[in-house]
Amino acid sequence: MPTMGRLLRARLAAVRVILRHFENPWQTLLLRLGVLRLPYYLYRLREGERRYAMLARPTTTALADLFVLREVLAEQIYRAVLPHLPARPLRIIDIGANIGAFTVWL
């Protein structure tokens, strides 16, 4: 079970990623905290030269959308997969498990 200090460090790290990569970080954080309430929000992120715009649900019941956008597009947790892919064009099938962030990133 994570300690309170470890949990706090993880949350602060997530806030740093949002502040660094999201174009409207304060609005994103207010949505995350439930201060602002919208059914959908167009998140705009940047990672290096890449820019992303993805529509997602910022509600407190669907925080997984923000988590996925942060992990996949900003932190690029799947970049270790890239060396294992062939150097030819790929055909990708998105089966709709979430909002498509991995497909957009890939």
Foldseek 3Di string as FASTA:
>chain_A
DDDPVVVVVVVVVLLVLLVPWWPCSVVLVCLLVVVDADQKDFTWTDEVPDIDTFIDGSHPVPCVVVVCCSVCPRVVVPPVCVVVDDPDDDDDDDPPPDRCSNVVSD
